[in-house]
Amino acid sequence: MNDKRRAFTLVEIMIVIVIIGLLAGMAAVGVMSNIDKAKKATTQASLKALHSAVVSFYMDVGRYPTEEEGLDALVTQPIDAENWRPEGYLETTSVPRDGWGRDFIYELHPASGKPFQIKSLGADGEEGGEGYDTDLLDSDTTN
Protein backbone atom coordinates (compact mmCIF):
# COMPACT_ATOMS: atom_id res chain seq x y z
CA MET A 1 0.00 0.00 0.00
CA ASN A 2 1.00 3.50 -0.71
CA ASP A 3 0.08 5.86 2.18
CA LYS A 4 1.28 9.05 0.55
CA ARG A 5 -1.03 11.92 1.34
CA ARG A 6 -1.01 15.06 -0.65
CA ALA A 7 -1.07 18.17 1.59
CA PHE A 8 -1.61 21.77 0.59
CA THR A 9 1.54 23.81 0.30
CA LEU A 10 1.90 27.15 1.98
CA VAL A 11 1.76 28.87 -1.42
CA GLU A 12 -1.57 27.18 -2.27
CA ILE A 13 -3.05 28.19 1.07
CA MET A 14 -1.88 31.79 0.58
CA ILE A 15 -3.48 31.92 -2.89
CA VAL A 16 -6.80 30.70 -1.48
CA ILE A 17 -6.63 33.30 1.31
CA VAL A 18 -5.91 36.10 -1.20
CA ILE A 19 -8.84 35.00 -3.39
CA ILE A 20 -11.19 34.89 -0.39
CA GLY A 21 -9.96 38.35 0.67
CA LEU A 22 -10.60 39.80 -2.78
CA LEU A 23 -14.10 38.33 -2.88
CA ALA A 24 -14.87 39.66 0.60
CA GLY A 25 -13.59 43.10 -0.40
CA MET A 26 -15.82 43.18 -3.47
CA ALA A 27 -18.83 42.15 -1.40
CA ALA A 28 -18.07 44.80 1.23
CA VAL A 29 -17.95 47.55 -1.42
CA GLY A 30 -21.39 46.47 -2.67
CA VAL A 31 -22.85 46.40 0.84
CA MET A 32 -21.35 49.80 1.76
CA SER A 33 -22.80 51.33 -1.40
CA ASN A 34 -26.26 50.06 -0.46
CA ILE A 35 -25.89 51.37 3.09
CA ASP A 36 -24.98 54.83 1.77
CA LYS A 37 -27.97 54.77 -0.60
CA ALA A 38 -30.27 53.81 2.27
CA LYS A 39 -28.93 56.62 4.50
CA LYS A 40 -29.47 59.15 1.71
CA ALA A 41 -33.00 57.89 0.99
CA THR A 42 -33.88 57.97 4.71
CA THR A 43 -32.56 61.52 4.98
CA GLN A 44 -34.57 62.65 1.95
CA ALA A 45 -37.75 61.11 3.35
CA SER A 46 -37.17 62.83 6.70
CA LEU A 47 -36.54 66.17 4.96
CA LYS A 48 -39.83 65.86 3.11
CA ALA A 49 -41.74 65.01 6.31
CA LEU A 50 -40.09 67.87 8.23
CA HIS A 51 -40.84 70.34 5.43
CA SER A 52 -44.52 69.35 5.47
CA ALA A 53 -44.62 69.59 9.27
CA VAL A 54 -43.16 73.12 9.24
CA VAL A 55 -45.74 74.20 6.63
CA SER A 56 -48.52 72.70 8.79
CA PHE A 57 -47.11 74.52 11.84
CA TYR A 58 -47.23 77.77 9.86
CA MET A 59 -50.82 77.21 8.75
CA ASP A 60 -51.96 76.52 12.33
CA VAL A 61 -49.84 78.97 14.32
CA GLY A 62 -49.50 81.79 11.77
CA ARG A 63 -45.72 81.88 11.80
CA TYR A 64 -42.76 79.61 11.17
CA PRO A 65 -40.75 78.25 14.09
CA THR A 66 -38.00 80.66 15.07
CA GLU A 67 -34.39 79.53 14.67
CA GLU A 68 -34.13 79.44 18.46
CA GLU A 69 -37.13 77.08 18.67
CA GLY A 70 -35.89 75.14 15.68
CA LEU A 71 -37.51 71.90 14.64
CA ASP A 72 -38.25 71.09 18.30
CA ALA A 73 -41.27 73.39 17.90
CA LEU A 74 -42.83 70.56 15.88
CA VAL A 75 -42.93 68.25 18.92
CA THR A 76 -42.91 70.67 21.88
CA GLN A 77 -45.33 73.59 21.95
CA PRO A 78 -43.63 76.97 22.05
CA ILE A 79 -44.94 79.26 24.81
CA ASP A 80 -46.57 81.80 22.48
CA ALA A 81 -47.91 79.35 19.87
CA GLU A 82 -51.68 79.49 19.82
CA ASN A 83 -53.62 76.90 17.79
CA TRP A 84 -50.66 74.49 18.07
CA ARG A 85 -51.82 70.91 17.57
CA PRO A 86 -51.85 69.06 20.90
CA GLU A 87 -50.35 65.97 19.24
CA GLY A 88 -47.60 67.98 17.57
CA TYR A 89 -46.67 67.92 13.91
CA LEU A 90 -44.66 64.72 13.64
CA GLU A 91 -45.68 61.11 14.10
CA THR A 92 -42.89 60.73 16.65
CA THR A 93 -42.23 62.42 19.96
CA SER A 94 -38.78 63.58 18.87
CA VAL A 95 -37.31 65.24 15.81
CA PRO A 96 -35.64 62.65 13.57
CA ARG A 97 -31.94 62.80 12.77
CA ASP A 98 -30.45 62.47 9.33
CA GLY A 99 -29.23 59.12 8.01
CA TRP A 100 -25.80 59.72 9.53
CA GLY A 101 -27.16 60.39 13.02
CA ARG A 102 -26.80 64.18 13.03
CA ASP A 103 -29.41 66.87 13.69
CA PHE A 104 -30.99 68.59 10.72
CA ILE A 105 -30.20 72.29 10.29
CA TYR A 106 -33.20 74.64 10.26
CA GLU A 107 -32.77 78.16 8.87
CA LEU A 108 -35.42 80.86 8.82
CA HIS A 109 -35.17 83.22 5.80
CA PRO A 110 -32.05 81.64 4.26
CA ALA A 111 -30.07 83.20 1.40
CA SER A 112 -32.16 81.18 -1.08
CA GLY A 113 -35.02 83.64 -0.53
CA LYS A 114 -37.40 80.94 0.68
CA PRO A 115 -39.21 81.38 4.01
CA PHE A 116 -37.23 78.52 5.59
CA GLN A 117 -34.82 75.74 4.75
CA ILE A 118 -34.02 72.40 6.34
CA LYS A 119 -30.82 70.62 5.43
CA SER A 120 -28.47 67.78 6.17
CA LEU A 121 -24.74 68.16 5.62
CA GLY A 122 -24.49 64.68 4.10
CA ALA A 123 -22.12 61.87 4.98
CA ASP A 124 -19.13 64.07 5.81
CA GLY A 125 -21.05 66.48 8.07
CA GLU A 126 -19.46 69.50 6.35
CA GLU A 127 -20.79 72.17 3.99
CA GLY A 128 -20.60 71.27 0.30
CA GLY A 129 -19.16 68.01 -0.93
CA GLU A 130 -19.84 65.56 -3.72
CA GLY A 131 -21.55 62.19 -3.94
CA TYR A 132 -22.80 61.07 -0.54
CA ASP A 133 -21.05 64.07 1.05
CA THR A 134 -23.37 66.49 -0.79
CA ASP A 135 -25.65 68.63 1.35
CA LEU A 136 -29.29 67.54 1.12
CA LEU A 137 -31.98 70.24 1.19
CA ASP A 138 -35.72 70.04 1.79
CA SER A 139 -36.22 71.98 -1.44
CA ASP A 140 -34.64 69.03 -3.31
CA THR A 141 -37.49 66.79 -2.12
CA THR A 142 -40.47 69.08 -2.70
CA ASN A 143 -40.45 69.27 -6.49
C-alpha atoms as a PDB file:
ATOM      1  CA  MET A   1       0.000   0.000   0.000  1.00  0.00           C
ATOM      2  CA  ASN A   2       0.995   3.502  -0.706  1.00  0.00           C
ATOM      3  CA  ASP A   3       0.085   5.863   2.180  1.00  0.00           C
ATOM      4  CA  LYS A   4       1.283   9.048   0.551  1.00  0.00           C
ATOM      5  CA  ARG A   5      -1.029  11.922   1.344  1.00  0.00           C
ATOM      6  CA  ARG A   6      -1.006  15.061  -0.647  1.00  0.00           C
ATOM      7  CA  ALA A   7      -1.074  18.168   1.589  1.00  0.00           C
ATOM      8  CA  PHE A   8      -1.607  21.766   0.591  1.00  0.00           C
ATOM      9  CA  THR A   9       1.537  23.808   0.298  1.00  0.00           C
ATOM     10  CA  LEU A  10       1.898  27.148   1.982  1.00  0.00           C
ATOM     11  CA  VAL A  11       1.758  28.868  -1.416  1.00  0.00           C
ATOM     12  CA  GLU A  12      -1.571  27.183  -2.271  1.00  0.00           C
ATOM     13  CA  ILE A  13      -3.048  28.186   1.073  1.00  0.00           C
ATOM     14  CA  MET A  14      -1.881  31.785   0.583  1.00  0.00           C
ATOM     15  CA  ILE A  15      -3.477  31.924  -2.891  1.00  0.00           C
ATOM     16  CA  VAL A  16      -6.800  30.704  -1.480  1.00  0.00           C
ATOM     17  CA  ILE A  17      -6.630  33.303   1.305  1.00  0.00           C
ATOM     18  CA  VAL A  18      -5.911  36.097  -1.201  1.00  0.00           C
ATOM     19  CA  ILE A  19      -8.844  35.000  -3.394  1.00  0.00           C
ATOM     20  CA  ILE A  20     -11.187  34.895  -0.386  1.00  0.00           C
ATOM     21  CA  GLY A  21      -9.959  38.347   0.671  1.00  0.00           C
ATOM     22  CA  LEU A  22     -10.602  39.798  -2.781  1.00  0.00           C
ATOM     23  CA  LEU A  23     -14.104  38.328  -2.877  1.00  0.00           C
ATOM     24  CA  ALA A  24     -14.874  39.660   0.602  1.00  0.00           C
ATOM     25  CA  GLY A  25     -13.590  43.104  -0.403  1.00  0.00           C
ATOM     26  CA  MET A  26     -15.818  43.185  -3.471  1.00  0.00           C
ATOM     27  CA  ALA A  27     -18.833  42.146  -1.398  1.00  0.00           C
ATOM     28  CA  ALA A  28     -18.069  44.804   1.231  1.00  0.00           C
ATOM     29  CA  VAL A  29     -17.954  47.547  -1.415  1.00  0.00           C
ATOM     30  CA  GLY A  30     -21.390  46.471  -2.668  1.00  0.00           C
ATOM     31  CA  VAL A  31     -22.848  46.403   0.837  1.00  0.00           C
ATOM     32  CA  MET A  32     -21.354  49.799   1.759  1.00  0.00           C
ATOM     33  CA  SER A  33     -22.799  51.331  -1.401  1.00  0.00           C
ATOM     34  CA  ASN A  34     -26.262  50.059  -0.460  1.00  0.00           C
ATOM     35  CA  ILE A  35     -25.890  51.370   3.091  1.00  0.00           C
ATOM     36  CA  ASP A  36     -24.978  54.830   1.767  1.00  0.00           C
ATOM     37  CA  LYS A  37     -27.972  54.772  -0.602  1.00  0.00           C
ATOM     38  CA  ALA A  38     -30.271  53.813   2.272  1.00  0.00           C
ATOM     39  CA  LYS A  39     -28.927  56.621   4.497  1.00  0.00           C
ATOM     40  CA  LYS A  40     -29.466  59.154   1.713  1.00  0.00           C
ATOM     41  CA  ALA A  41     -32.996  57.886   0.995  1.00  0.00           C
ATOM     42  CA  THR A  42     -33.883  57.969   4.711  1.00  0.00           C
ATOM     43  CA  THR A  43     -32.560  61.520   4.983  1.00  0.00           C
ATOM     44  CA  GLN A  44     -34.567  62.650   1.951  1.00  0.00           C
ATOM     45  CA  ALA A  45     -37.750  61.111   3.349  1.00  0.00           C
ATOM     46  CA  SER A  46     -37.171  62.834   6.704  1.00  0.00           C
ATOM     47  CA  LEU A  47     -36.538  66.169   4.955  1.00  0.00           C
ATOM     48  CA  LYS A  48     -39.834  65.860   3.112  1.00  0.00           C
ATOM     49  CA  ALA A  49     -41.742  65.014   6.310  1.00  0.00           C
ATOM     50  CA  LEU A  50     -40.089  67.870   8.230  1.00  0.00           C
ATOM     51  CA  HIS A  51     -40.843  70.343   5.434  1.00  0.00           C
ATOM     52  CA  SER A  52     -44.523  69.349   5.469  1.00  0.00           C
ATOM     53  CA  ALA A  53     -44.620  69.586   9.267  1.00  0.00           C
ATOM     54  CA  VAL A  54     -43.156  73.116   9.238  1.00  0.00           C
ATOM     55  CA  VAL A  55     -45.738  74.201   6.628  1.00  0.00           C
ATOM     56  CA  SER A  56     -48.524  72.703   8.788  1.00  0.00           C
ATOM     57  CA  PHE A  57     -47.113  74.517  11.836  1.00  0.00           C
ATOM     58  CA  TYR A  58     -47.231  77.768   9.856  1.00  0.00           C
ATOM     59  CA  MET A  59     -50.823  77.209   8.748  1.00  0.00           C
ATOM     60  CA  ASP A  60     -51.959  76.524  12.331  1.00  0.00           C
ATOM     61  CA  VAL A  61     -49.842  78.966  14.316  1.00  0.00           C
ATOM     62  CA  GLY A  62     -49.505  81.790  11.767  1.00  0.00           C
ATOM     63  CA  ARG A  63     -45.721  81.876  11.803  1.00  0.00           C
ATOM     64  CA  TYR A  64     -42.761  79.609  11.174  1.00  0.00           C
ATOM     65  CA  PRO A  65     -40.747  78.253  14.090  1.00  0.00           C
ATOM     66  CA  THR A  66     -37.997  80.655  15.066  1.00  0.00           C
ATOM     67  CA  GLU A  67     -34.391  79.533  14.670  1.00  0.00           C
ATOM     68  CA  GLU A  68     -34.134  79.438  18.465  1.00  0.00           C
ATOM     69  CA  GLU A  69     -37.132  77.079  18.668  1.00  0.00           C
ATOM     70  CA  GLY A  70     -35.888  75.137  15.678  1.00  0.00           C
ATOM     71  CA  LEU A  71     -37.514  71.900  14.642  1.00  0.00           C
ATOM     72  CA  ASP A  72     -38.250  71.088  18.300  1.00  0.00           C
ATOM     73  CA  ALA A  73     -41.273  73.391  17.904  1.00  0.00           C
ATOM     74  CA  LEU A  74     -42.828  70.564  15.884  1.00  0.00           C
ATOM     75  CA  VAL A  75     -42.935  68.253  18.919  1.00  0.00           C
ATOM     76  CA  THR A  76     -42.912  70.671  21.881  1.00  0.00           C
ATOM     77  CA  GLN A  77     -45.330  73.586  21.945  1.00  0.00           C
ATOM     78  CA  PRO A  78     -43.635  76.973  22.046  1.00  0.00           C
ATOM     79  CA  ILE A  79     -44.938  79.261  24.811  1.00  0.00           C
ATOM     80  CA  ASP A  80     -46.566  81.799  22.479  1.00  0.00           C
ATOM     81  CA  ALA A  81     -47.908  79.348  19.872  1.00  0.00           C
ATOM     82  CA  GLU A  82     -51.682  79.492  19.817  1.00  0.00           C
ATOM     83  CA  ASN A  83     -53.622  76.899  17.794  1.00  0.00           C
ATOM     84  CA  TRP A  84     -50.660  74.493  18.075  1.00  0.00           C
ATOM     85  CA  ARG A  85     -51.816  70.910  17.568  1.00  0.00           C
ATOM     86  CA  PRO A  86     -51.847  69.059  20.902  1.00  0.00           C
ATOM     87  CA  GLU A  87     -50.354  65.967  19.238  1.00  0.00           C
ATOM     88  CA  GLY A  88     -47.600  67.983  17.568  1.00  0.00           C
ATOM     89  CA  TYR A  89     -46.670  67.925  13.914  1.00  0.00           C
ATOM     90  CA  LEU A  90     -44.661  64.721  13.640  1.00  0.00           C
ATOM     91  CA  GLU A  91     -45.683  61.113  14.098  1.00  0.00           C
ATOM     92  CA  THR A  92     -42.892  60.726  16.647  1.00  0.00           C
ATOM     93  CA  THR A  93     -42.226  62.417  19.964  1.00  0.00           C
ATOM     94  CA  SER A  94     -38.784  63.584  18.874  1.00  0.00           C
ATOM     95  CA  VAL A  95     -37.308  65.237  15.809  1.00  0.00           C
ATOM     96  CA  PRO A  96     -35.636  62.647  13.566  1.00  0.00           C
ATOM     97  CA  ARG A  97     -31.944  62.802  12.774  1.00  0.00           C
ATOM     98  CA  ASP A  98     -30.450  62.468   9.332  1.00  0.00           C
ATOM     99  CA  GLY A  99     -29.227  59.117   8.012  1.00  0.00           C
ATOM    100  CA  TRP A 100     -25.797  59.720   9.528  1.00  0.00           C
ATOM    101  CA  GLY A 101     -27.155  60.388  13.024  1.00  0.00           C
ATOM    102  CA  ARG A 102     -26.804  64.181  13.031  1.00  0.00           C
ATOM    103  CA  ASP A 103     -29.414  66.871  13.689  1.00  0.00           C
ATOM    104  CA  PHE A 104     -30.989  68.595  10.718  1.00  0.00           C
ATOM    105  CA  ILE A 105     -30.200  72.286  10.291  1.00  0.00           C
ATOM    106  CA  TYR A 106     -33.203  74.642  10.262  1.00  0.00           C
ATOM    107  CA  GLU A 107     -32.766  78.156   8.874  1.00  0.00           C
ATOM    108  CA  LEU A 108     -35.416  80.862   8.815  1.00  0.00           C
ATOM    109  CA  HIS A 109     -35.165  83.223   5.804  1.00  0.00           C
ATOM    110  CA  PRO A 110     -32.047  81.638   4.262  1.00  0.00           C
ATOM    111  CA  ALA A 111     -30.068  83.195   1.399  1.00  0.00           C
ATOM    112  CA  SER A 112     -32.157  81.179  -1.075  1.00  0.00           C
ATOM    113  CA  GLY A 113     -35.018  83.636  -0.527  1.00  0.00           C
ATOM    114  CA  LYS A 114     -37.399  80.935   0.684  1.00  0.00           C
ATOM    115  CA  PRO A 115     -39.209  81.383   4.006  1.00  0.00           C
ATOM    116  CA  PHE A 116     -37.233  78.520   5.590  1.00  0.00           C
ATOM    117  CA  GLN A 117     -34.820  75.742   4.750  1.00  0.00           C
ATOM    118  CA  ILE A 118     -34.019  72.401   6.336  1.00  0.00           C
ATOM    119  CA  LYS A 119     -30.817  70.621   5.433  1.00  0.00           C
ATOM    120  CA  SER A 120     -28.467  67.776   6.173  1.00  0.00           C
ATOM    121  CA  LEU A 121     -24.744  68.160   5.624  1.00  0.00           C
ATOM    122  CA  GLY A 122     -24.494  64.681   4.095  1.00  0.00           C
ATOM    123  CA  ALA A 123     -22.121  61.870   4.978  1.00  0.00           C
ATOM    124  CA  ASP A 124     -19.128  64.074   5.812  1.00  0.00           C
ATOM    125  CA  GLY A 125     -21.049  66.482   8.075  1.00  0.00           C
ATOM    126  CA  GLU A 126     -19.456  69.498   6.354  1.00  0.00           C
ATOM    127  CA  GLU A 127     -20.789  72.167   3.987  1.00  0.00           C
ATOM    128  CA  GLY A 128     -20.604  71.266   0.301  1.00  0.00           C
ATOM    129  CA  GLY A 129     -19.156  68.013  -0.932  1.00  0.00           C
ATOM    130  CA  GLU A 130     -19.841  65.563  -3.718  1.00  0.00           C
ATOM    131  CA  GLY A 131     -21.545  62.194  -3.942  1.00  0.00           C
ATOM    132  CA  TYR A 132     -22.802  61.065  -0.541  1.00  0.00           C
ATOM    133  CA  ASP A 133     -21.046  64.068   1.051  1.00  0.00           C
ATOM    134  CA  THR A 134     -23.369  66.491  -0.793  1.00  0.00           C
ATOM    135  CA  ASP A 135     -25.653  68.627   1.351  1.00  0.00           C
ATOM    136  CA  LEU A 136     -29.293  67.545   1.123  1.00  0.00           C
ATOM    137  CA  LEU A 137     -31.983  70.238   1.193  1.00  0.00           C
ATOM    138  CA  ASP A 138     -35.717  70.040   1.793  1.00  0.00           C
ATOM    139  CA  SER A 139     -36.217  71.980  -1.444  1.00  0.00           C
ATOM    140  CA  ASP A 140     -34.641  69.028  -3.311  1.00  0.00           C
ATOM    141  CA  THR A 141     -37.494  66.787  -2.115  1.00  0.00           C
ATOM    142  CA  THR A 142     -40.470  69.082  -2.702  1.00  0.00           C
ATOM    143  CA  ASN A 143     -40.446  69.274  -6.495  1.00  0.00           C
END
